[in-house]
Amino acid sequence: MDAVVIFEDERWVNFKPLTWTRPVCLLRTGIFPLWEKVVQACRRASVNEFEVHIHTRNYLAPTLRHCLKGKGVFVNEFERLEGKSVLFVNGRLLVTPELAQRAGSIEKGIAYTKGEELVAAYLGEVAAAAVLPALQKGEPLTNSDLQALADSATAKVEVPEAVILRYPWQLIDHNAELISAEFPLATEGKESEGKLEQGAIVYGGSLSQVYLGKGAVVHPTVVLDVTHGPIYIGDNTVVYPPTRIEGPTFIGKGTWIVGGKIREGSNIGDVCRVGGEVEESIIHGYSNKYHDGFLGHAYVGEWVNLGALTTNSDLKDTYGSVRVEIEGEGKVDAGTKVGCFIGDQVKTSIGALIYTGKRIGIFSHIHGVATDDVPSFTIWAKSIGAQGDAVELLLDSAIEIHKRVLSRRKIEATPEEAELIRTLFELTREERQKAGVRQGRPTI
């Protein structure tokens, strides 16, 4: 094949608010984001070099190109595909190690399905060219687009073992097992270069179950428990005492773990500051949970700051199923252990509490208790003060706060990011209107 296109369909809305600021394929579970799992499987199976393309909403393309700069990925640049054979892959596909083994048997002219879901389609030059106009619209593919893509193949093959993600909590459900499964791939051909200080303890297994990247340091008295899985600690990450980390756990580059319990199934991105208790949760890069408080079975976006003692619930008092609101589907049963889903740039004040299964919209500020889903760009303080308030965050304030937050990490905000914030403010306006968020000054 000449190119791989990871496409986005209309079910991106199921993953809001996480996908307001990224396509589904940039979500994480295990050590690698979804799109990287696809590319790795294809590269292991292919003898030829191929281009990697991501298809997404046009408004995301400029910032996504900036985010993926240097990774050799093209975003919505489909003119490059003319005259190429293309493997089209659903961006919601979760490539497990078992599925990756089948990548070498992909055949041109075949559409691969699981039930009614299109998993992938490998099309020759002529058939691929007929599909390009649907991609060039820069909108998620509709059901009719997907049907046309499948019909462009000469035959269909059912792939029963394929996992096509439909809801955000599935990312958390698969996270721990994938960290264990992908640990050998992430460490292949590499030896630990970091420093395990004297007095740090590896418990429940051998040192081979711990990877320390270049410049990583684990301080004395820290406990790394690999009884139930490996622990990956990225380059220049520092683990301070008193900390206990239980595998399987992944921690990215340049992060500080500043004490507490990092329990099994934790997945922490680059340049984070994390303390307190974290369990079975995924945190994207540049987010902070510096202080005590509990984060469990949660998914947290980028540039989030959780104030001291911020805690979420991941289990109802009744031990019953948690129901999560999904756009177009209503409340969906998500299982019994479900935390919260926090979009990019959310800030919580001290002592904030978030109930089970709640979605916290992008650029929102949480004060007190969030017993409901919180719309994007909202200052939420319904549980405190005489009036109980939910007020729209001013657009100019959102842009200015973004600049300040990035400057604390010595990063300069780009004009593309400011334009994205303006676009998102308008796209999420209906959220606020439906929830009765008022305009004006907050009463707190």
Protein backbone atom coordinates (compact mmCIF):
# COMPACT_ATOMS: atom_id res chain seq x y z
CA MET A 1 0.00 0.00 0.00
CA ASP A 2 1.03 3.59 -0.62
CA ALA A 3 -0.88 5.31 2.19
CA VAL A 4 -2.91 4.75 5.33
CA VAL A 5 -5.83 7.09 6.04
CA ILE A 6 -7.28 7.03 9.55
CA PHE A 7 -10.76 8.49 9.10
CA GLU A 8 -13.26 10.06 11.47
CA ASP A 9 -16.98 9.29 11.39
CA GLU A 10 -20.03 10.86 13.00
CA ARG A 11 -19.65 8.90 16.24
CA TRP A 12 -16.96 11.34 17.35
CA VAL A 13 -19.80 13.07 19.23
CA ASN A 14 -20.08 10.05 21.56
CA PHE A 15 -16.69 10.98 23.01
CA LYS A 16 -17.45 14.61 23.83
CA PRO A 17 -16.06 16.64 25.52
CA LEU A 18 -12.75 14.84 24.87
CA THR A 19 -13.18 15.12 21.09
CA TRP A 20 -14.10 18.78 20.85
CA THR A 21 -10.34 19.39 20.60
CA ARG A 22 -9.07 16.23 18.86
CA PRO A 23 -10.22 13.43 16.58
CA VAL A 24 -11.08 10.12 18.23
CA CYS A 25 -7.87 8.55 16.93
CA LEU A 26 -5.78 10.86 19.15
CA LEU A 27 -7.40 9.50 22.29
CA ARG A 28 -5.24 7.25 24.44
CA THR A 29 -5.51 3.83 25.97
CA GLY A 30 -2.49 1.70 26.77
CA ILE A 31 0.91 3.14 25.98
CA PHE A 32 0.13 4.47 22.49
CA PRO A 33 -2.74 6.62 21.17
CA LEU A 34 -5.16 4.90 18.80
CA TRP A 35 -3.61 6.25 15.60
CA GLU A 36 -0.12 5.09 16.55
CA LYS A 37 -1.38 1.57 17.20
CA VAL A 38 -2.71 1.48 13.63
CA VAL A 39 0.53 2.77 12.12
CA GLN A 40 2.72 0.42 14.15
CA ALA A 41 0.69 -2.61 13.06
CA CYS A 42 0.87 -1.57 9.41
CA ARG A 43 4.60 -0.89 9.54
CA ARG A 44 5.30 -4.29 11.06
CA ALA A 45 3.25 -5.91 8.30
CA SER A 46 4.37 -3.85 5.29
CA VAL A 47 7.63 -4.16 3.38
CA ASN A 48 7.10 -0.75 1.75
CA GLU A 49 7.12 2.78 3.11
CA PHE A 50 3.72 4.50 3.16
CA GLU A 51 2.28 7.90 3.99
CA VAL A 52 0.16 8.35 7.11
CA HIS A 53 -2.91 10.58 6.86
CA ILE A 54 -5.46 11.63 9.47
CA HIS A 55 -8.92 12.76 8.38
CA THR A 56 -10.77 15.05 10.77
CA ARG A 57 -12.99 18.11 11.02
CA ASN A 58 -11.53 21.08 9.14
CA TYR A 59 -11.50 23.33 12.19
CA LEU A 60 -9.11 20.95 13.98
CA ALA A 61 -6.64 20.60 11.10
CA PRO A 62 -4.34 23.63 11.74
CA THR A 63 -3.69 22.87 15.41
CA LEU A 64 -3.49 19.13 14.76
CA ARG A 65 -0.76 19.70 12.17
CA HIS A 66 1.13 21.72 14.78
CA CYS A 67 0.61 19.01 17.39
CA LEU A 68 1.88 16.25 15.07
CA LYS A 69 4.75 18.26 13.60
CA GLY A 70 7.79 16.07 13.13
CA LYS A 71 5.82 12.81 13.21
CA GLY A 72 5.45 12.54 9.43
CA VAL A 73 1.66 12.69 9.55
CA PHE A 74 -0.51 14.56 7.03
CA VAL A 75 -3.81 16.07 8.21
CA ASN A 76 -6.59 16.64 5.66
CA GLU A 77 -4.05 16.85 2.80
CA PHE A 78 -5.80 14.37 0.53
CA GLU A 79 -4.52 15.77 -2.76
CA ARG A 80 -1.39 13.77 -1.94
CA LEU A 81 -3.38 10.54 -2.31
CA GLU A 82 -4.05 10.84 -6.03
CA GLY A 83 -2.72 7.78 -7.84
CA LYS A 84 -2.10 5.86 -4.62
CA SER A 85 -3.49 2.65 -3.20
CA VAL A 86 -4.91 3.40 0.24
CA LEU A 87 -5.78 1.51 3.39
CA PHE A 88 -8.68 3.35 5.01
CA VAL A 89 -8.95 2.63 8.76
CA ASN A 90 -11.71 3.59 11.17
CA GLY A 91 -10.34 6.07 13.73
CA ARG A 92 -12.34 4.29 16.46
CA LEU A 93 -10.50 1.02 15.84
CA LEU A 94 -8.61 -0.28 18.84
CA VAL A 95 -5.69 -2.31 17.50
CA THR A 96 -5.03 -5.00 20.07
CA PRO A 97 -1.90 -7.17 19.82
CA GLU A 98 -4.11 -10.00 18.54
CA LEU A 99 -5.57 -7.85 15.77
CA ALA A 100 -2.13 -6.47 14.86
CA GLN A 101 -1.06 -9.99 13.94
CA ARG A 102 -3.67 -9.98 11.17
CA ALA A 103 -2.29 -6.83 9.54
CA GLY A 104 -0.03 -8.85 7.27
CA SER A 105 -3.00 -10.63 5.70
CA ILE A 106 -4.81 -7.48 4.54
CA GLU A 107 -5.73 -7.78 0.85
CA LYS A 108 -6.36 -5.09 -1.74
CA GLY A 109 -10.00 -4.78 -2.74
CA ILE A 110 -11.36 -6.03 0.58
CA ALA A 111 -13.56 -4.15 3.06
CA TYR A 112 -13.23 -5.45 6.62
CA THR A 113 -16.27 -5.20 8.87
CA LYS A 114 -17.53 -6.12 12.30
CA GLY A 115 -21.28 -6.40 12.16
CA GLU A 116 -22.52 -3.10 10.74
CA GLU A 117 -19.28 -1.25 11.52
CA LEU A 118 -16.63 -0.64 8.86
CA VAL A 119 -13.25 -1.55 10.32
CA ALA A 120 -11.05 -0.86 7.30
CA ALA A 121 -10.97 -1.00 3.52
CA TYR A 122 -7.91 -1.48 1.30
CA LEU A 123 -8.57 0.08 -2.10
CA GLY A 124 -6.53 0.29 -5.27
CA GLU A 125 -5.75 3.55 -7.05
CA VAL A 126 -9.01 3.89 -9.00
CA ALA A 127 -11.35 2.88 -6.17
CA ALA A 128 -9.46 5.06 -3.66
CA ALA A 129 -9.73 8.10 -5.95
CA ALA A 130 -13.51 7.74 -5.95
CA VAL A 131 -13.57 8.01 -2.15
CA LEU A 132 -11.43 11.15 -1.89
CA PRO A 133 -14.24 13.74 -2.45
CA ALA A 134 -15.98 12.58 0.75
CA LEU A 135 -12.74 13.09 2.72
CA GLN A 136 -11.98 16.45 1.14
CA LYS A 137 -15.15 17.95 2.63
CA GLY A 138 -13.33 18.04 5.95
CA GLU A 139 -16.32 16.68 7.82
CA PRO A 140 -16.83 13.38 9.65
CA LEU A 141 -17.91 10.61 7.28
CA THR A 142 -21.64 9.93 7.33
CA ASN A 143 -23.25 6.49 7.25
CA SER A 144 -23.79 6.88 3.51
CA ASP A 145 -20.12 7.83 3.05
CA LEU A 146 -19.09 4.72 4.97
CA GLN A 147 -21.42 2.56 2.91
CA ALA A 148 -19.96 3.99 -0.30
CA LEU A 149 -16.45 3.32 1.02
CA ALA A 150 -17.34 -0.30 1.81
CA ASP A 151 -19.08 -0.72 -1.56
CA SER A 152 -15.92 0.47 -3.35
CA ALA A 153 -14.29 -2.82 -2.35
CA THR A 154 -14.85 -5.96 -4.39
CA ALA A 155 -15.56 -8.15 -1.34
CA LYS A 156 -16.22 -7.95 2.40
CA VAL A 157 -14.62 -9.93 5.22
CA GLU A 158 -15.96 -10.10 8.77
CA VAL A 159 -13.38 -9.49 11.55
CA PRO A 160 -15.11 -10.70 14.73
CA GLU A 161 -12.14 -9.97 17.00
CA ALA A 162 -11.96 -6.29 16.01
CA VAL A 163 -12.79 -3.74 18.72
CA ILE A 164 -14.52 -0.61 17.42
CA LEU A 165 -14.83 1.84 20.30
CA ARG A 166 -18.20 3.49 20.75
CA TYR A 167 -18.00 5.17 24.16
CA PRO A 168 -15.26 6.94 26.15
CA TRP A 169 -15.33 4.59 29.15
CA GLN A 170 -14.18 1.75 26.87
CA LEU A 171 -10.80 3.47 26.66
CA ILE A 172 -10.46 3.07 30.44
CA ASP A 173 -11.78 -0.49 30.36
CA HIS A 174 -8.97 -1.60 28.01
CA ASN A 175 -6.21 0.61 29.43
CA ALA A 176 -4.53 -1.64 32.02
CA GLU A 177 -4.38 -4.74 29.85
CA LEU A 178 -2.98 -2.74 26.94
CA ILE A 179 -0.22 -1.17 29.06
CA SER A 180 0.93 -4.70 29.92
CA ALA A 181 0.58 -5.93 26.33
CA GLU A 182 2.39 -2.93 24.79
CA PHE A 183 5.20 -2.73 27.34
CA PRO A 184 7.45 -5.14 25.34
CA LEU A 185 6.86 -3.13 22.16
CA ALA A 186 7.55 0.21 23.88
CA THR A 187 10.80 -1.07 25.39
CA GLU A 188 11.98 -3.23 22.46
CA GLY A 189 15.69 -2.70 21.82
CA LYS A 190 15.98 -0.27 24.72
CA GLU A 191 17.56 -0.54 28.14
CA SER A 192 16.64 1.54 31.16
CA GLU A 193 18.85 4.62 31.32
CA GLY A 194 17.26 6.29 34.33
CA LYS A 195 18.35 6.14 37.95
CA LEU A 196 16.72 4.00 40.62
CA GLU A 197 18.13 5.60 43.76
CA GLN A 198 19.36 3.47 46.64
CA GLY A 199 16.43 2.87 48.94
CA ALA A 200 13.85 2.74 46.16
CA ILE A 201 12.13 -0.64 46.06
CA VAL A 202 10.96 -2.84 43.20
CA TYR A 203 8.41 -5.18 44.75
CA GLY A 204 6.63 -8.29 43.48
CA GLY A 205 8.83 -9.07 40.49
CA SER A 206 12.07 -8.35 38.69
CA LEU A 207 13.66 -5.11 37.56
CA SER A 208 12.92 -6.17 33.96
CA GLN A 209 9.30 -5.16 34.62
CA VAL A 210 10.39 -1.55 35.17
CA TYR A 211 11.57 0.78 32.40
CA LEU A 212 13.23 4.09 33.30
CA GLY A 213 13.84 6.46 30.40
CA LYS A 214 16.92 8.61 29.96
CA GLY A 215 17.19 11.14 32.78
CA ALA A 216 14.39 9.59 34.81
CA VAL A 217 14.94 9.45 38.57
CA VAL A 218 13.13 7.42 41.22
CA HIS A 219 13.94 8.73 44.69
CA PRO A 220 14.65 6.70 47.84
CA THR A 221 11.69 5.04 49.64
CA VAL A 222 9.54 5.02 46.49
CA VAL A 223 7.88 1.62 45.96
CA LEU A 224 7.40 0.25 42.43
CA ASP A 225 5.00 -2.70 42.71
CA VAL A 226 5.09 -4.89 39.59
CA THR A 227 3.08 -7.76 41.07
CA HIS A 228 0.28 -7.31 38.55
CA GLY A 229 2.05 -5.63 35.66
CA PRO A 230 4.96 -3.52 34.38
CA ILE A 231 5.75 0.13 35.07
CA TYR A 232 7.00 2.44 32.30
CA ILE A 233 8.53 5.78 33.36
CA GLY A 234 9.50 8.14 30.53
CA ASP A 235 12.54 10.32 29.90
CA ASN A 236 13.31 13.02 32.48
CA THR A 237 10.42 12.05 34.72
CA VAL A 238 11.01 12.32 38.47
CA VAL A 239 9.22 10.25 41.13
CA TYR A 240 9.43 11.87 44.56
CA PRO A 241 8.71 10.20 47.91
CA PRO A 242 6.43 9.21 49.45
CA THR A 243 5.02 7.45 46.37
CA ARG A 244 3.79 3.95 45.67
CA ILE A 245 3.26 3.02 42.00
CA GLU A 246 1.43 -0.17 41.09
CA GLY A 247 1.72 -1.75 37.65
CA PRO A 248 0.52 -1.84 35.03
CA THR A 249 1.21 1.89 34.82
CA PHE A 250 2.52 4.21 32.12
CA ILE A 251 4.06 7.62 32.87
CA GLY A 252 5.25 9.86 30.04
CA LYS A 253 8.19 12.23 29.64
CA GLY A 254 9.08 15.18 31.85
CA THR A 255 6.43 14.42 34.46
CA TRP A 256 6.72 14.81 38.23
CA ILE A 257 5.04 12.31 40.53
CA VAL A 258 5.00 14.23 43.79
CA GLY A 259 3.79 11.60 46.25
CA GLY A 260 0.75 9.46 46.89
CA LYS A 261 -0.67 6.26 45.41
CA ILE A 262 -0.48 5.73 41.66
CA ARG A 263 -2.55 2.60 41.44
CA GLU A 264 -2.94 -0.06 38.75
CA GLY A 265 -4.12 1.05 35.31
CA SER A 266 -2.79 4.60 35.63
CA ASN A 267 -1.82 6.30 32.37
CA ILE A 268 -0.19 9.71 32.79
CA GLY A 269 1.01 11.83 29.87
CA ASP A 270 4.01 14.08 29.29
CA VAL A 271 4.88 17.08 31.50
CA CYS A 272 2.21 16.40 34.14
CA ARG A 273 2.36 17.09 37.87
CA VAL A 274 0.55 14.34 39.76
CA GLY A 275 0.06 13.49 43.42
CA GLY A 276 -2.63 12.10 45.71
CA GLU A 277 -4.43 8.95 44.60
CA VAL A 278 -4.95 7.94 40.99
CA GLU A 279 -6.56 4.67 39.92
CA GLU A 280 -7.45 3.27 36.47
CA SER A 281 -7.36 6.74 34.93
CA ILE A 282 -5.96 8.32 31.76
CA ILE A 283 -4.45 11.81 31.89
CA HIS A 284 -3.25 13.64 28.78
CA GLY A 285 -0.12 15.78 28.74
CA TYR A 286 0.45 19.07 30.55
CA SER A 287 -2.26 18.41 33.14
CA ASN A 288 -1.89 18.84 36.89
CA LYS A 289 -3.23 16.97 39.88
CA TYR A 290 -0.52 18.17 42.20
CA HIS A 291 -2.32 17.79 45.53
CA ASP A 292 -4.23 15.21 47.55
CA GLY A 293 -7.56 14.02 46.25
CA PHE A 294 -8.86 10.97 44.38
CA LEU A 295 -9.09 10.45 40.62
CA GLY A 296 -10.58 7.10 39.66
CA HIS A 297 -11.75 5.51 36.39
CA ALA A 298 -11.54 8.96 34.83
CA TYR A 299 -10.35 10.38 31.52
CA VAL A 300 -8.68 13.80 31.70
CA GLY A 301 -7.69 15.97 28.72
CA GLU A 302 -4.75 18.35 28.21
CA TRP A 303 -3.91 21.47 30.21
CA VAL A 304 -6.30 20.55 33.01
CA ASN A 305 -5.64 21.74 36.56
CA LEU A 306 -7.33 19.88 39.40
CA GLY A 307 -7.20 21.99 42.56
CA ALA A 308 -6.25 20.66 46.00
CA LEU A 309 -8.56 17.90 47.28
CA THR A 310 -10.49 17.67 44.01
CA THR A 311 -12.11 14.24 44.05
CA ASN A 312 -14.35 12.30 41.70
CA SER A 313 -16.67 9.40 42.45
CA ASP A 314 -16.33 6.20 40.41
CA LEU A 315 -18.90 4.07 42.25
CA LYS A 316 -22.52 4.77 43.13
CA ASP A 317 -23.73 4.26 46.70
CA THR A 318 -26.08 1.57 45.36
CA TYR A 319 -23.24 -0.26 43.58
CA GLY A 320 -25.52 -0.08 40.55
CA SER A 321 -24.80 0.83 36.93
CA VAL A 322 -23.68 4.34 36.06
CA ARG A 323 -25.55 5.94 33.17
CA VAL A 324 -23.70 8.48 31.04
CA GLU A 325 -25.40 11.00 28.76
CA ILE A 326 -24.40 10.41 25.13
CA GLU A 327 -25.44 12.81 22.38
CA GLY A 328 -28.22 11.31 20.24
CA GLU A 329 -28.53 8.22 22.45
CA GLY A 330 -29.58 9.60 25.82
CA LYS A 331 -28.34 7.92 28.98
CA VAL A 332 -26.24 4.82 28.29
CA ASP A 333 -25.33 2.12 30.80
CA ALA A 334 -21.54 2.36 31.31
CA GLY A 335 -21.03 -0.30 34.01
CA THR A 336 -20.50 -0.01 37.74
CA LYS A 337 -17.00 1.52 37.94
CA VAL A 338 -17.13 4.76 35.99
CA GLY A 339 -15.51 8.06 36.87
CA CYS A 340 -15.72 11.34 34.96
CA PHE A 341 -14.68 12.67 31.56
CA ILE A 342 -12.88 16.01 31.73
CA GLY A 343 -12.22 18.01 28.58
CA ASP A 344 -9.16 20.13 27.79
CA GLN A 345 -8.39 23.30 29.75
CA VAL A 346 -10.75 22.55 32.65
CA LYS A 347 -9.87 24.07 36.04
CA THR A 348 -11.27 22.98 39.41
CA SER A 349 -11.07 24.93 42.65
CA ILE A 350 -10.06 23.51 46.03
CA GLY A 351 -12.33 20.80 47.33
CA ALA A 352 -14.25 20.34 44.08
CA LEU A 353 -16.28 17.13 43.86
CA ILE A 354 -17.44 15.41 40.66
CA TYR A 355 -20.15 12.76 40.68
CA THR A 356 -20.02 9.44 38.79
CA GLY A 357 -20.22 9.50 35.03
CA LYS A 358 -20.24 13.28 34.65
CA ARG A 359 -18.82 15.05 31.62
CA ILE A 360 -16.98 18.32 32.24
CA GLY A 361 -16.87 20.48 29.11
CA ILE A 362 -13.77 22.15 27.70
CA PHE A 363 -12.54 25.42 29.26
CA SER A 364 -14.93 25.10 32.21
CA HIS A 365 -14.20 26.10 35.81
CA ILE A 366 -15.66 23.96 38.60
CA HIS A 367 -16.44 25.28 42.08
CA GLY A 368 -18.13 23.09 44.68
CA VAL A 369 -19.99 19.96 43.58
CA ALA A 370 -20.70 18.93 39.98
CA THR A 371 -23.76 16.70 40.19
CA ASP A 372 -24.63 17.27 36.50
CA ASP A 373 -22.77 17.40 33.23
CA VAL A 374 -21.07 20.79 32.90
CA PRO A 375 -21.24 22.60 29.54
CA SER A 376 -18.09 23.91 27.88
CA PHE A 377 -16.89 27.46 28.67
CA THR A 378 -18.90 27.53 31.90
CA ILE A 379 -18.06 28.79 35.38
CA TRP A 380 -19.95 26.20 37.42
CA ALA A 381 -20.83 27.04 41.01
CA LYS A 382 -24.39 25.73 41.41
CA SER A 383 -23.70 24.15 44.79
CA ILE A 384 -22.29 27.25 46.49
CA GLY A 385 -23.58 30.73 47.12
CA ALA A 386 -27.14 31.87 47.70
CA GLN A 387 -28.17 31.79 44.04
CA GLY A 388 -26.35 28.72 42.77
CA ASP A 389 -24.80 29.81 39.52
CA ALA A 390 -23.63 28.66 36.10
CA VAL A 391 -22.18 31.52 34.10
CA GLU A 392 -20.59 31.62 30.65
CA LEU A 393 -16.83 32.11 30.67
CA LEU A 394 -15.98 35.13 28.54
CA LEU A 395 -14.26 34.25 25.27
CA ASP A 396 -11.49 36.80 25.83
CA SER A 397 -10.90 35.34 29.31
CA ALA A 398 -10.61 31.83 27.89
CA ILE A 399 -7.97 32.96 25.38
CA GLU A 400 -6.03 34.92 28.02
CA ILE A 401 -6.11 32.05 30.53
CA HIS A 402 -4.85 29.70 27.80
CA LYS A 403 -1.88 32.00 27.20
CA ARG A 404 -1.07 32.21 30.91
CA VAL A 405 -1.28 28.46 31.41
CA LEU A 406 1.04 27.71 28.49
CA SER A 407 3.53 30.35 29.62
CA ARG A 408 3.99 28.47 32.91
CA ARG A 409 5.47 25.64 30.83
CA LYS A 410 7.55 28.09 28.74
CA ILE A 411 5.30 27.53 25.72
CA GLU A 412 3.96 30.34 23.55
CA ALA A 413 0.33 30.12 22.45
CA THR A 414 -0.11 30.19 18.68
CA PRO A 415 -2.60 32.20 16.58
CA GLU A 416 -4.04 28.87 15.40
CA GLU A 417 -4.89 27.96 18.98
CA ALA A 418 -6.63 31.28 19.57
CA GLU A 419 -8.68 30.77 16.42
CA LEU A 420 -9.57 27.24 17.54
CA ILE A 421 -10.79 28.58 20.90
CA ARG A 422 -13.00 31.12 19.10
CA THR A 423 -14.44 28.38 16.90
CA LEU A 424 -15.06 26.05 19.84
CA PHE A 425 -16.79 28.83 21.78
CA GLU A 426 -19.34 29.15 18.99
CA LEU A 427 -19.68 25.40 18.42
CA THR A 428 -20.46 24.81 22.11
CA ARG A 429 -22.89 27.70 22.49
CA GLU A 430 -25.89 25.35 22.19
CA GLU A 431 -24.58 23.28 25.14
CA ARG A 432 -24.74 26.31 27.38
CA GLN A 433 -28.13 27.44 26.14
CA LYS A 434 -29.70 24.03 26.77
CA ALA A 435 -28.24 23.92 30.29
CA GLY A 436 -29.49 27.42 31.14
CA VAL A 437 -26.02 28.90 31.54
CA ARG A 438 -26.42 32.64 31.85
CA GLN A 439 -24.21 35.44 30.64
CA GLY A 440 -22.82 37.96 33.11
CA ARG A 441 -20.63 37.91 36.18
CA PRO A 442 -20.58 34.94 38.60
CA THR A 443 -21.99 35.53 42.09
CA ILE A 444 -19.20 33.66 43.92
